[in-house]
């Protein structure tokens, strides 16, 4: 993860929007937990330019959750006490 000390000298988002937005345009962004990633960027843009953003994402946490659900085998395995591993 990103630490507070790494952010001390980081530029403000408004200073790099001209560089960031073209990088996102037409792309599917890989994230780990879409609700945090999308909401953060949307709120940050609303605060700086008065307009939010929506963009497609591939959520690795959702993929892992889907794999875990399939590996647990549904209700039969739950009745037998088999539980998916922690995400």
N, C-alpha and C. Protein backbone atom coordinates (compact mmCIF):
# COMPACT_ATOMS: atom_id res chain seq x y z
N UNK A 1 0.80 -1.18 0.00
CA UNK A 1 0.00 0.00 0.00
C UNK A 1 0.85 1.26 0.00
N UNK A 2 0.23 2.35 -0.15
CA UNK A 2 0.89 3.66 -0.16
C UNK A 2 0.90 4.19 1.26
N UNK A 3 2.04 4.67 1.69
CA UNK A 3 2.17 5.21 3.04
C UNK A 3 2.07 6.73 3.03
N UNK A 4 1.82 7.31 4.20
CA UNK A 4 1.74 8.76 4.32
C UNK A 4 3.06 9.42 3.92
N UNK A 5 4.17 8.82 4.28
CA UNK A 5 5.47 9.42 3.95
C UNK A 5 5.71 9.46 2.45
N UNK A 6 5.12 8.53 1.71
CA UNK A 6 5.25 8.54 0.25
C UNK A 6 4.43 9.66 -0.39
N UNK A 7 3.45 10.15 0.33
CA UNK A 7 2.57 11.19 -0.22
C UNK A 7 3.04 12.60 0.07
N UNK A 8 3.99 12.76 0.96
CA UNK A 8 4.43 14.09 1.38
C UNK A 8 4.84 14.96 0.20
N UNK A 9 5.65 14.43 -0.69
CA UNK A 9 6.13 15.20 -1.84
C UNK A 9 5.36 14.93 -3.13
N UNK A 10 4.26 14.20 -3.04
CA UNK A 10 3.49 13.87 -4.24
C UNK A 10 2.74 15.10 -4.74
N UNK A 11 2.61 15.25 -6.05
CA UNK A 11 1.84 16.38 -6.59
C UNK A 11 0.35 16.19 -6.30
N UNK A 12 -0.37 17.30 -6.26
CA UNK A 12 -1.82 17.22 -6.11
C UNK A 12 -2.41 16.64 -7.38
N UNK A 13 -3.53 15.96 -7.24
CA UNK A 13 -4.18 15.34 -8.38
C UNK A 13 -4.47 16.35 -9.49
N UNK A 14 -4.88 17.56 -9.11
CA UNK A 14 -5.19 18.57 -10.13
C UNK A 14 -3.98 18.93 -10.98
N UNK A 15 -2.77 18.75 -10.43
CA UNK A 15 -1.55 19.05 -11.18
C UNK A 15 -1.21 17.98 -12.21
N UNK A 16 -1.76 16.79 -12.07
CA UNK A 16 -1.41 15.71 -13.00
C UNK A 16 -2.60 15.20 -13.81
N UNK A 17 -3.75 15.87 -13.71
CA UNK A 17 -4.93 15.42 -14.44
C UNK A 17 -4.69 15.36 -15.94
N UNK A 18 -3.98 16.33 -16.47
CA UNK A 18 -3.69 16.35 -17.90
C UNK A 18 -2.91 15.14 -18.35
N UNK A 19 -2.16 14.56 -17.46
CA UNK A 19 -1.39 13.35 -17.75
C UNK A 19 -2.19 12.08 -17.43
N UNK A 20 -2.97 12.12 -16.36
CA UNK A 20 -3.69 10.94 -15.89
C UNK A 20 -4.88 10.56 -16.78
N UNK A 21 -5.72 11.53 -17.12
CA UNK A 21 -6.94 11.22 -17.84
C UNK A 21 -6.70 10.55 -19.19
N UNK A 22 -5.73 10.99 -19.99
CA UNK A 22 -5.47 10.27 -21.24
C UNK A 22 -5.00 8.82 -21.00
N UNK A 23 -4.34 8.58 -19.88
CA UNK A 23 -3.90 7.21 -19.55
C UNK A 23 -5.09 6.31 -19.23
N UNK A 24 -6.15 6.87 -18.67
CA UNK A 24 -7.35 6.09 -18.34
C UNK A 24 -8.28 5.92 -19.53
N UNK A 25 -8.23 6.84 -20.47
CA UNK A 25 -9.17 6.87 -21.59
C UNK A 25 -9.09 5.59 -22.43
N UNK A 26 -10.23 4.95 -22.59
CA UNK A 26 -10.31 3.76 -23.42
C UNK A 26 -9.71 2.51 -22.81
N UNK A 27 -9.38 2.55 -21.55
CA UNK A 27 -8.72 1.43 -20.88
C UNK A 27 -9.66 0.79 -19.85
N UNK A 28 -9.40 -0.46 -19.54
CA UNK A 28 -10.02 -1.14 -18.41
C UNK A 28 -8.96 -1.16 -17.32
N UNK A 29 -9.26 -0.56 -16.19
CA UNK A 29 -8.29 -0.39 -15.11
C UNK A 29 -8.37 -1.58 -14.15
N UNK A 30 -7.23 -2.18 -13.83
CA UNK A 30 -7.18 -3.29 -12.88
C UNK A 30 -7.06 -2.71 -11.47
N UNK A 31 -8.00 -3.10 -10.60
CA UNK A 31 -8.04 -2.58 -9.23
C UNK A 31 -8.23 -3.74 -8.26
N UNK A 32 -8.00 -3.48 -7.00
CA UNK A 32 -8.28 -4.45 -5.94
C UNK A 32 -9.32 -3.80 -5.02
N UNK A 33 -10.55 -4.10 -5.24
CA UNK A 33 -11.74 -3.59 -4.56
C UNK A 33 -12.21 -2.28 -5.21
N UNK A 34 -13.04 -2.46 -6.21
CA UNK A 34 -13.50 -1.36 -7.06
C UNK A 34 -14.18 -0.23 -6.31
N UNK A 35 -14.88 -0.53 -5.23
CA UNK A 35 -15.61 0.53 -4.53
C UNK A 35 -14.67 1.58 -3.96
N UNK A 36 -13.51 1.16 -3.50
CA UNK A 36 -12.55 2.13 -2.98
C UNK A 36 -11.91 2.91 -4.12
N UNK A 37 -11.42 2.20 -5.13
CA UNK A 37 -10.68 2.85 -6.22
C UNK A 37 -11.55 3.83 -7.00
N UNK A 38 -12.71 3.37 -7.43
CA UNK A 38 -13.60 4.24 -8.21
C UNK A 38 -14.08 5.44 -7.39
N UNK A 39 -14.54 5.18 -6.18
CA UNK A 39 -15.08 6.24 -5.33
C UNK A 39 -14.02 7.29 -5.00
N UNK A 40 -12.79 6.83 -4.72
CA UNK A 40 -11.71 7.76 -4.41
C UNK A 40 -11.48 8.73 -5.56
N UNK A 41 -11.30 8.19 -6.75
CA UNK A 41 -11.00 9.05 -7.90
C UNK A 41 -12.19 9.93 -8.26
N UNK A 42 -13.38 9.38 -8.19
CA UNK A 42 -14.59 10.16 -8.49
C UNK A 42 -14.73 11.34 -7.54
N UNK A 43 -14.58 11.10 -6.24
CA UNK A 43 -14.71 12.17 -5.25
C UNK A 43 -13.57 13.19 -5.35
N UNK A 44 -12.37 12.71 -5.63
CA UNK A 44 -11.23 13.62 -5.78
C UNK A 44 -11.43 14.56 -6.95
N UNK A 45 -11.95 14.05 -8.05
CA UNK A 45 -12.20 14.91 -9.21
C UNK A 45 -13.35 15.88 -8.95
N UNK A 46 -14.40 15.42 -8.29
CA UNK A 46 -15.51 16.31 -7.96
C UNK A 46 -15.03 17.47 -7.09
N UNK A 47 -14.14 17.19 -6.15
CA UNK A 47 -13.63 18.23 -5.26
C UNK A 47 -12.74 19.22 -5.99
N UNK A 48 -12.05 18.77 -7.04
CA UNK A 48 -11.09 19.64 -7.72
C UNK A 48 -11.64 20.33 -8.95
N UNK A 49 -12.46 19.62 -9.73
CA UNK A 49 -12.94 20.23 -10.98
C UNK A 49 -14.46 20.27 -11.07
N UNK A 50 -15.15 19.82 -10.01
CA UNK A 50 -16.60 19.88 -9.98
C UNK A 50 -17.27 18.84 -10.86
N UNK A 51 -16.53 17.85 -11.29
CA UNK A 51 -17.09 16.80 -12.14
C UNK A 51 -16.43 15.48 -11.78
N UNK A 52 -17.23 14.42 -11.71
CA UNK A 52 -16.70 13.11 -11.37
C UNK A 52 -16.29 12.32 -12.60
N UNK A 53 -16.01 11.05 -12.38
CA UNK A 53 -15.57 10.18 -13.47
C UNK A 53 -16.11 8.78 -13.24
N UNK A 54 -16.43 8.10 -14.32
CA UNK A 54 -16.78 6.69 -14.29
C UNK A 54 -15.86 6.00 -15.27
N UNK A 55 -15.38 4.81 -14.91
CA UNK A 55 -14.49 4.08 -15.80
C UNK A 55 -14.61 2.60 -15.52
N UNK A 56 -14.39 1.77 -16.55
CA UNK A 56 -14.51 0.33 -16.36
C UNK A 56 -13.31 -0.22 -15.59
N UNK A 57 -13.59 -1.20 -14.74
CA UNK A 57 -12.52 -1.79 -13.94
C UNK A 57 -12.59 -3.32 -13.99
N UNK A 58 -11.46 -3.93 -13.78
CA UNK A 58 -11.35 -5.36 -13.55
C UNK A 58 -10.93 -5.49 -12.09
N UNK A 59 -11.83 -6.03 -11.28
CA UNK A 59 -11.63 -6.06 -9.83
C UNK A 59 -11.05 -7.41 -9.40
N UNK A 60 -9.78 -7.42 -8.99
CA UNK A 60 -9.13 -8.66 -8.59
C UNK A 60 -9.75 -9.27 -7.33
N UNK A 61 -10.28 -8.44 -6.45
CA UNK A 61 -10.94 -8.96 -5.25
C UNK A 61 -12.22 -9.70 -5.63
N UNK A 62 -12.98 -9.15 -6.57
CA UNK A 62 -14.21 -9.81 -7.03
C UNK A 62 -13.88 -11.13 -7.72
N UNK A 63 -12.81 -11.16 -8.50
CA UNK A 63 -12.39 -12.40 -9.15
C UNK A 63 -12.07 -13.45 -8.10
N UNK A 64 -11.31 -13.06 -7.09
CA UNK A 64 -10.95 -13.99 -6.02
C UNK A 64 -12.19 -14.48 -5.28
N UNK A 65 -13.12 -13.58 -5.02
CA UNK A 65 -14.36 -13.97 -4.33
C UNK A 65 -15.13 -15.00 -5.16
N UNK A 66 -15.21 -14.78 -6.47
CA UNK A 66 -15.91 -15.72 -7.34
C UNK A 66 -15.23 -17.09 -7.35
N UNK A 67 -13.91 -17.11 -7.37
CA UNK A 67 -13.17 -18.37 -7.32
C UNK A 67 -13.44 -19.09 -6.00
N UNK A 68 -13.42 -18.34 -4.90
CA UNK A 68 -13.66 -18.94 -3.59
C UNK A 68 -15.06 -19.53 -3.49
N UNK A 69 -16.04 -18.82 -4.02
CA UNK A 69 -17.42 -19.32 -3.98
C UNK A 69 -17.54 -20.62 -4.76
N UNK A 70 -16.90 -20.68 -5.94
CA UNK A 70 -16.95 -21.89 -6.74
C UNK A 70 -16.23 -23.05 -6.06
N UNK A 71 -15.11 -22.75 -5.43
CA UNK A 71 -14.33 -23.83 -4.80
C UNK A 71 -15.02 -24.38 -3.56
N UNK A 72 -15.90 -23.59 -2.95
CA UNK A 72 -16.65 -24.07 -1.79
C UNK A 72 -17.75 -25.03 -2.20
N UNK A 73 -18.14 -24.99 -3.47
CA UNK A 73 -19.09 -25.98 -3.99
C UNK A 73 -20.54 -25.79 -3.61
N UNK A 74 -20.91 -24.62 -3.18
CA UNK A 74 -22.31 -24.35 -2.92
C UNK A 74 -22.83 -24.91 -1.61
N UNK A 75 -24.14 -25.10 -1.57
CA UNK A 75 -24.81 -25.45 -0.31
C UNK A 75 -24.40 -26.82 0.23
N UNK A 76 -24.14 -27.80 -0.64
CA UNK A 76 -23.78 -29.13 -0.16
C UNK A 76 -22.50 -29.08 0.68
N UNK A 77 -21.47 -28.42 0.18
CA UNK A 77 -20.22 -28.31 0.94
C UNK A 77 -20.40 -27.47 2.20
N UNK A 78 -21.24 -26.47 2.16
CA UNK A 78 -21.50 -25.68 3.37
C UNK A 78 -22.17 -26.55 4.43
N UNK A 79 -23.10 -27.40 4.00
CA UNK A 79 -23.76 -28.30 4.95
C UNK A 79 -22.76 -29.29 5.56
N UNK A 80 -21.76 -29.66 4.77
CA UNK A 80 -20.72 -30.57 5.28
C UNK A 80 -19.68 -29.83 6.11
N UNK A 81 -19.79 -28.50 6.19
CA UNK A 81 -18.87 -27.72 7.00
C UNK A 81 -17.67 -27.18 6.25
N UNK A 82 -17.63 -27.40 4.94
CA UNK A 82 -16.51 -26.87 4.15
C UNK A 82 -16.73 -25.37 3.95
N UNK A 83 -15.71 -24.60 4.28
CA UNK A 83 -15.81 -23.15 4.14
C UNK A 83 -14.71 -22.65 3.21
N UNK A 84 -15.01 -21.61 2.44
CA UNK A 84 -13.96 -21.05 1.59
C UNK A 84 -12.89 -20.38 2.45
N UNK A 85 -11.67 -20.35 1.92
CA UNK A 85 -10.59 -19.68 2.63
C UNK A 85 -10.86 -18.18 2.67
N UNK A 86 -10.25 -17.53 3.61
CA UNK A 86 -10.41 -16.08 3.76
C UNK A 86 -9.85 -15.35 2.56
N UNK A 87 -10.54 -14.29 2.16
CA UNK A 87 -10.03 -13.44 1.10
C UNK A 87 -8.98 -12.56 1.69
